Amino acid sequence: VTDLRKTMVRLKENLPRAGWDIASYG
C-alpha cells in the first residue's frame, strides 16, 4: 500500500516532465 501511494505521488510529480498535463488528481 505504501509503494502504491508513493507511485501515485510520483506520477503526479513526474508526468508533466514527460509531456503530460494533469487533468485531475485525488
PDB file of all heavy atoms in Angstrom:
ATOM      1  N   VAL A   1       0.836  -1.191   0.000  1.00  0.00           N
ATOM      2  CA  VAL A   1       0.000   0.000   0.000  1.00  0.00           C
ATOM      3  C   VAL A   1       0.880   1.254   0.000  1.00  0.00           C
ATOM      4  O   VAL A   1       0.612   2.216  -0.729  1.00  0.00           O
ATOM      5  CB  VAL A   1      -0.973   0.001   1.207  1.00  0.00           C
ATOM      6  CG1 VAL A   1      -1.681   1.345   1.349  1.00  0.00           C
ATOM      7  CG2 VAL A   1      -1.987  -1.124   1.070  1.00  0.00           C
ATOM      8  N   THR A   2       1.956   1.235   0.773  1.00  0.00           N
ATOM      9  CA  THR A   2       2.873   2.375   0.821  1.00  0.00           C
ATOM     10  C   THR A   2       3.469   2.650  -0.549  1.00  0.00           C
ATOM     11  O   THR A   2       3.504   3.800  -0.996  1.00  0.00           O
ATOM     12  CB  THR A   2       3.992   2.124   1.857  1.00  0.00           C
ATOM     13  OG1 THR A   2       3.395   1.939   3.138  1.00  0.00           O
ATOM     14  CG2 THR A   2       4.980   3.274   1.900  1.00  0.00           C
ATOM     15  N   ASP A   3       3.940   1.604  -1.238  1.00  0.00           N
ATOM     16  CA  ASP A   3       4.526   1.787  -2.568  1.00  0.00           C
ATOM     17  C   ASP A   3       3.482   2.255  -3.580  1.00  0.00           C
ATOM     18  O   ASP A   3       3.781   3.069  -4.457  1.00  0.00           O
ATOM     19  CB  ASP A   3       5.191   0.496  -3.058  1.00  0.00           C
ATOM     20  CG  ASP A   3       6.500   0.209  -2.354  1.00  0.00           C
ATOM     21  OD1 ASP A   3       7.039   1.123  -1.676  1.00  0.00           O
ATOM     22  OD2 ASP A   3       6.995  -0.931  -2.474  1.00  0.00           O
ATOM     23  N   LEU A   4       2.272   1.749  -3.458  1.00  0.00           N
ATOM     24  CA  LEU A   4       1.186   2.171  -4.348  1.00  0.00           C
ATOM     25  C   LEU A   4       0.913   3.668  -4.194  1.00  0.00           C
ATOM     26  O   LEU A   4       0.813   4.397  -5.181  1.00  0.00           O
ATOM     27  CB  LEU A   4      -0.076   1.360  -4.042  1.00  0.00           C
ATOM     28  CG  LEU A   4      -1.271   1.564  -4.947  1.00  0.00           C
ATOM     29  CD1 LEU A   4      -0.988   1.053  -6.350  1.00  0.00           C
ATOM     30  CD2 LEU A   4      -2.487   0.849  -4.371  1.00  0.00           C
ATOM     31  N   ARG A   5       0.852   4.132  -2.966  1.00  0.00           N
ATOM     32  CA  ARG A   5       0.610   5.556  -2.706  1.00  0.00           C
ATOM     33  C   ARG A   5       1.778   6.416  -3.201  1.00  0.00           C
ATOM     34  O   ARG A   5       1.565   7.480  -3.778  1.00  0.00           O
ATOM     35  CB  ARG A   5       0.368   5.790  -1.219  1.00  0.00           C
ATOM     36  CG  ARG A   5      -0.956   5.203  -0.751  1.00  0.00           C
ATOM     37  CD  ARG A   5      -1.140   5.350   0.723  1.00  0.00           C
ATOM     38  NE  ARG A   5      -2.403   4.753   1.160  1.00  0.00           N
ATOM     39  CZ  ARG A   5      -2.739   4.600   2.432  1.00  0.00           C
ATOM     40  NH1 ARG A   5      -1.920   5.006   3.393  1.00  0.00           N
ATOM     41  NH2 ARG A   5      -3.894   4.045   2.745  1.00  0.00           N
ATOM     42  N   LYS A   6       2.996   5.954  -2.971  1.00  0.00           N
ATOM     43  CA  LYS A   6       4.182   6.687  -3.451  1.00  0.00           C
ATOM     44  C   LYS A   6       4.185   6.773  -4.972  1.00  0.00           C
ATOM     45  O   LYS A   6       4.588   7.786  -5.542  1.00  0.00           O
ATOM     46  CB  LYS A   6       5.463   6.002  -2.969  1.00  0.00           C
ATOM     47  CG  LYS A   6       5.770   6.211  -1.517  1.00  0.00           C
ATOM     48  CD  LYS A   6       7.054   5.489  -1.142  1.00  0.00           C
ATOM     49  CE  LYS A   6       7.383   5.625   0.330  1.00  0.00           C
ATOM     50  NZ  LYS A   6       8.595   4.866   0.691  1.00  0.00           N
ATOM     51  N   THR A   7       3.733   5.714  -5.625  1.00  0.00           N
ATOM     52  CA  THR A   7       3.675   5.701  -7.088  1.00  0.00           C
ATOM     53  C   THR A   7       2.727   6.774  -7.600  1.00  0.00           C
ATOM     54  O   THR A   7       3.037   7.481  -8.562  1.00  0.00           O
ATOM     55  CB  THR A   7       3.243   4.312  -7.596  1.00  0.00           C
ATOM     56  OG1 THR A   7       4.280   3.385  -7.286  1.00  0.00           O
ATOM     57  CG2 THR A   7       2.986   4.307  -9.082  1.00  0.00           C
ATOM     58  N   MET A   8       1.589   6.932  -6.959  1.00  0.00           N
ATOM     59  CA  MET A   8       0.635   7.949  -7.406  1.00  0.00           C
ATOM     60  C   MET A   8       1.213   9.359  -7.249  1.00  0.00           C
ATOM     61  O   MET A   8       1.052  10.201  -8.132  1.00  0.00           O
ATOM     62  CB  MET A   8      -0.690   7.806  -6.646  1.00  0.00           C
ATOM     63  CG  MET A   8      -1.449   6.528  -6.985  1.00  0.00           C
ATOM     64  SD  MET A   8      -1.917   6.381  -8.731  1.00  0.00           S
ATOM     65  CE  MET A   8      -3.282   7.538  -8.800  1.00  0.00           C
ATOM     66  N   VAL A   9       1.922   9.596  -6.162  1.00  0.00           N
ATOM     67  CA  VAL A   9       2.564  10.900  -5.973  1.00  0.00           C
ATOM     68  C   VAL A   9       3.648  11.104  -7.035  1.00  0.00           C
ATOM     69  O   VAL A   9       3.757  12.179  -7.631  1.00  0.00           O
ATOM     70  CB  VAL A   9       3.152  11.017  -4.542  1.00  0.00           C
ATOM     71  CG1 VAL A   9       4.024  12.262  -4.409  1.00  0.00           C
ATOM     72  CG2 VAL A   9       2.040  11.012  -3.505  1.00  0.00           C
ATOM     73  N   ARG A  10       4.428  10.054  -7.288  1.00  0.00           N
ATOM     74  CA  ARG A  10       5.485  10.129  -8.304  1.00  0.00           C
ATOM     75  C   ARG A  10       4.894  10.431  -9.682  1.00  0.00           C
ATOM     76  O   ARG A  10       5.421  11.251 -10.432  1.00  0.00           O
ATOM     77  CB  ARG A  10       6.281   8.820  -8.338  1.00  0.00           C
ATOM     78  CG  ARG A  10       7.469   8.838  -9.258  1.00  0.00           C
ATOM     79  CD  ARG A  10       8.380   7.631  -9.135  1.00  0.00           C
ATOM     80  NE  ARG A  10       7.720   6.349  -9.108  1.00  0.00           N
ATOM     81  CZ  ARG A  10       7.570   5.588  -8.012  1.00  0.00           C
ATOM     82  NH1 ARG A  10       8.030   5.989  -6.846  1.00  0.00           N
ATOM     83  NH2 ARG A  10       6.960   4.424  -8.081  1.00  0.00           N
ATOM     84  N   LEU A  11       3.775   9.806 -10.008  1.00  0.00           N
ATOM     85  CA  LEU A  11       3.109  10.081 -11.284  1.00  0.00           C
ATOM     86  C   LEU A  11       2.668  11.536 -11.363  1.00  0.00           C
ATOM     87  O   LEU A  11       2.890  12.208 -12.376  1.00  0.00           O
ATOM     88  CB  LEU A  11       1.908   9.151 -11.472  1.00  0.00           C
ATOM     89  CG  LEU A  11       2.233   7.726 -11.872  1.00  0.00           C
ATOM     90  CD1 LEU A  11       1.045   6.810 -11.609  1.00  0.00           C
ATOM     91  CD2 LEU A  11       2.667   7.666 -13.312  1.00  0.00           C
ATOM     92  N   LYS A  12       2.055  12.023 -10.297  1.00  0.00           N
ATOM     93  CA  LYS A  12       1.584  13.414 -10.285  1.00  0.00           C
ATOM     94  C   LYS A  12       2.752  14.380 -10.476  1.00  0.00           C
ATOM     95  O   LYS A  12       2.632  15.376 -11.183  1.00  0.00           O
ATOM     96  CB  LYS A  12       0.869  13.703  -8.969  1.00  0.00           C
ATOM     97  CG  LYS A  12       0.337  15.114  -8.867  1.00  0.00           C
ATOM     98  CD  LYS A  12      -0.291  15.346  -7.512  1.00  0.00           C
ATOM     99  CE  LYS A  12      -0.681  16.798  -7.361  1.00  0.00           C
ATOM    100  NZ  LYS A  12      -0.879  17.150  -5.971  1.00  0.00           N
ATOM    101  N   GLU A  13       3.890  14.077  -9.881  1.00  0.00           N
ATOM    102  CA  GLU A  13       5.049  14.966  -9.965  1.00  0.00           C
ATOM    103  C   GLU A  13       5.818  14.831 -11.275  1.00  0.00           C
ATOM    104  O   GLU A  13       6.325  15.817 -11.800  1.00  0.00           O
ATOM    105  CB  GLU A  13       5.994  14.703  -8.792  1.00  0.00           C
ATOM    106  CG  GLU A  13       5.400  15.103  -7.455  1.00  0.00           C
ATOM    107  CD  GLU A  13       6.248  14.689  -6.267  1.00  0.00           C
ATOM    108  OE1 GLU A  13       7.256  13.961  -6.443  1.00  0.00           O
ATOM    109  OE2 GLU A  13       5.887  15.075  -5.142  1.00  0.00           O
ATOM    110  N   ASN A  14       5.920  13.609 -11.811  1.00  0.00           N
ATOM    111  CA  ASN A  14       6.811  13.359 -12.957  1.00  0.00           C
ATOM    112  C   ASN A  14       6.139  13.347 -14.325  1.00  0.00           C
ATOM    113  O   ASN A  14       6.808  13.566 -15.334  1.00  0.00           O
ATOM    114  CB  ASN A  14       7.570  12.047 -12.759  1.00  0.00           C
ATOM    115  CG  ASN A  14       8.538  12.132 -11.602  1.00  0.00           C
ATOM    116  OD1 ASN A  14       9.007  13.211 -11.245  1.00  0.00           O
ATOM    117  ND2 ASN A  14       8.833  11.003 -10.991  1.00  0.00           N
ATOM    118  N   LEU A  15       4.849  13.078 -14.395  1.00  0.00           N
ATOM    119  CA  LEU A  15       4.198  13.043 -15.707  1.00  0.00           C
ATOM    120  C   LEU A  15       4.279  14.376 -16.450  1.00  0.00           C
ATOM    121  O   LEU A  15       4.504  14.370 -17.661  1.00  0.00           O
ATOM    122  CB  LEU A  15       2.753  12.561 -15.593  1.00  0.00           C
ATOM    123  CG  LEU A  15       2.565  11.058 -15.404  1.00  0.00           C
ATOM    124  CD1 LEU A  15       1.085  10.706 -15.336  1.00  0.00           C
ATOM    125  CD2 LEU A  15       3.262  10.257 -16.481  1.00  0.00           C
ATOM    126  N   PRO A  16       4.125  15.525 -15.781  1.00  0.00           N
ATOM    127  CA  PRO A  16       4.252  16.785 -16.531  1.00  0.00           C
ATOM    128  C   PRO A  16       5.617  16.935 -17.214  1.00  0.00           C
ATOM    129  O   PRO A  16       5.707  17.472 -18.311  1.00  0.00           O
ATOM    130  CB  PRO A  16       4.027  17.853 -15.460  1.00  0.00           C
ATOM    131  CG  PRO A  16       3.112  17.181 -14.479  1.00  0.00           C
ATOM    132  CD  PRO A  16       3.632  15.764 -14.420  1.00  0.00           C
ATOM    133  N   ARG A  17       6.679  16.432 -16.590  1.00  0.00           N
ATOM    134  CA  ARG A  17       8.009  16.492 -17.209  1.00  0.00           C
ATOM    135  C   ARG A  17       8.126  15.551 -18.398  1.00  0.00           C
ATOM    136  O   ARG A  17       9.023  15.694 -19.225  1.00  0.00           O
ATOM    137  CB  ARG A  17       9.092  16.153 -16.187  1.00  0.00           C
ATOM    138  CG  ARG A  17       9.328  17.283 -15.208  1.00  0.00           C
ATOM    139  CD  ARG A  17      10.342  16.868 -14.215  1.00  0.00           C
ATOM    140  NE  ARG A  17       9.597  16.319 -13.104  1.00  0.00           N
ATOM    141  CZ  ARG A  17      10.039  16.185 -11.879  1.00  0.00           C
ATOM    142  NH1 ARG A  17      11.258  16.501 -11.585  1.00  0.00           N
ATOM    143  NH2 ARG A  17       9.273  15.717 -10.931  1.00  0.00           N
ATOM    144  N   ALA A  18       7.231  14.575 -18.476  1.00  0.00           N
ATOM    145  CA  ALA A  18       7.244  13.597 -19.572  1.00  0.00           C
ATOM    146  C   ALA A  18       6.231  13.956 -20.655  1.00  0.00           C
ATOM    147  O   ALA A  18       5.928  13.131 -21.517  1.00  0.00           O
ATOM    148  CB  ALA A  18       6.966  12.199 -19.022  1.00  0.00           C
ATOM    149  N   GLY A  19       5.688  15.179 -20.624  1.00  0.00           N
ATOM    150  CA  GLY A  19       4.784  15.621 -21.687  1.00  0.00           C
ATOM    151  C   GLY A  19       3.304  15.481 -21.395  1.00  0.00           C
ATOM    152  O   GLY A  19       2.479  15.628 -22.297  1.00  0.00           O
ATOM    153  N   TRP A  20       2.940  15.221 -20.152  1.00  0.00           N
ATOM    154  CA  TRP A  20       1.545  15.038 -19.778  1.00  0.00           C
ATOM    155  C   TRP A  20       1.048  16.225 -18.976  1.00  0.00           C
ATOM    156  O   TRP A  20       1.773  16.774 -18.141  1.00  0.00           O
ATOM    157  CB  TRP A  20       1.375  13.774 -18.929  1.00  0.00           C
ATOM    158  CG  TRP A  20       1.676  12.502 -19.639  1.00  0.00           C
ATOM    159  CD1 TRP A  20       2.900  11.910 -19.783  1.00  0.00           C
ATOM    160  CD2 TRP A  20       0.748  11.652 -20.298  1.00  0.00           C
ATOM    161  NE1 TRP A  20       2.779  10.748 -20.497  1.00  0.00           N
ATOM    162  CE2 TRP A  20       1.463  10.563 -20.819  1.00  0.00           C
ATOM    163  CE3 TRP A  20      -0.625  11.704 -20.492  1.00  0.00           C
ATOM    164  CZ2 TRP A  20       0.856   9.535 -21.527  1.00  0.00           C
ATOM    165  CZ3 TRP A  20      -1.239  10.671 -21.200  1.00  0.00           C
ATOM    166  CH2 TRP A  20      -0.498   9.607 -21.703  1.00  0.00           C
ATOM    167  N   ASP A  21      -0.205  16.607 -19.186  1.00  0.00           N
ATOM    168  CA  ASP A  21      -0.871  17.620 -18.371  1.00  0.00           C
ATOM    169  C   ASP A  21      -1.844  16.906 -17.442  1.00  0.00           C
ATOM    170  O   ASP A  21      -2.702  16.131 -17.908  1.00  0.00           O
ATOM    171  CB  ASP A  21      -1.643  18.608 -19.247  1.00  0.00           C
ATOM    172  CG  ASP A  21      -0.719  19.470 -20.090  1.00  0.00           C
ATOM    173  OD1 ASP A  21       0.339  19.893 -19.586  1.00  0.00           O
ATOM    174  OD2 ASP A  21      -1.063  19.709 -21.265  1.00  0.00           O
ATOM    175  N   ILE A  22      -1.716  17.147 -16.141  1.00  0.00           N
ATOM    176  CA  ILE A  22      -2.601  16.514 -15.164  1.00  0.00           C
ATOM    177  C   ILE A  22      -3.965  17.210 -15.232  1.00  0.00           C
ATOM    178  O   ILE A  22      -4.070  18.416 -15.015  1.00  0.00           O
ATOM    179  CB  ILE A  22      -2.024  16.612 -13.735  1.00  0.00           C
ATOM    180  CG1 ILE A  22      -0.595  16.032 -13.669  1.00  0.00           C
ATOM    181  CG2 ILE A  22      -2.954  15.931 -12.731  1.00  0.00           C
ATOM    182  CD1 ILE A  22      -0.462  14.578 -13.996  1.00  0.00           C
ATOM    183  N   ALA A  23      -4.994  16.445 -15.542  1.00  0.00           N
ATOM    184  CA  ALA A  23      -6.359  16.983 -15.621  1.00  0.00           C
ATOM    185  C   ALA A  23      -7.065  16.887 -14.269  1.00  0.00           C
ATOM    186  O   ALA A  23      -7.840  17.769 -13.904  1.00  0.00           O
ATOM    187  CB  ALA A  23      -7.163  16.246 -16.687  1.00  0.00           C
ATOM    188  N   SER A  24      -6.791  15.804 -13.535  1.00  0.00           N
ATOM    189  CA  SER A  24      -7.377  15.656 -12.200  1.00  0.00           C
ATOM    190  C   SER A  24      -6.531  14.687 -11.385  1.00  0.00           C
ATOM    191  O   SER A  24      -5.868  13.796 -11.933  1.00  0.00           O
ATOM    192  CB  SER A  24      -8.827  15.175 -12.274  1.00  0.00           C
ATOM    193  OG  SER A  24      -8.905  13.873 -12.788  1.00  0.00           O
ATOM    194  N   TYR A  25      -6.563  14.882 -10.073  1.00  0.00           N
ATOM    195  CA  TYR A  25      -5.827  14.029  -9.144  1.00  0.00           C
ATOM    196  C   TYR A  25      -6.536  14.102  -7.804  1.00  0.00           C
ATOM    197  O   TYR A  25      -6.828  15.193  -7.315  1.00  0.00           O
ATOM    198  CB  TYR A  25      -4.386  14.524  -8.991  1.00  0.00           C
ATOM    199  CG  TYR A  25      -3.556  13.712  -8.021  1.00  0.00           C
ATOM    200  CD1 TYR A  25      -2.935  12.542  -8.431  1.00  0.00           C
ATOM    201  CD2 TYR A  25      -3.390  14.110  -6.701  1.00  0.00           C
ATOM    202  CE1 TYR A  25      -2.168  11.798  -7.551  1.00  0.00           C
ATOM    203  CE2 TYR A  25      -2.633  13.372  -5.812  1.00  0.00           C
ATOM    204  CZ  TYR A  25      -2.028  12.220  -6.242  1.00  0.00           C
ATOM    205  OH  TYR A  25      -1.270  11.463  -5.379  1.00  0.00           O
ATOM    206  N   GLY A  26      -6.854  12.951  -7.239  1.00  0.00           N
ATOM    207  CA  GLY A  26      -7.494  12.920  -5.933  1.00  0.00           C
ATOM    208  C   GLY A  26      -8.370  11.698  -5.777  1.00  0.00           C
ATOM    209  O   GLY A  26      -8.406  10.823  -6.651  1.00  0.00           O
TER     210      GLY A  26
END
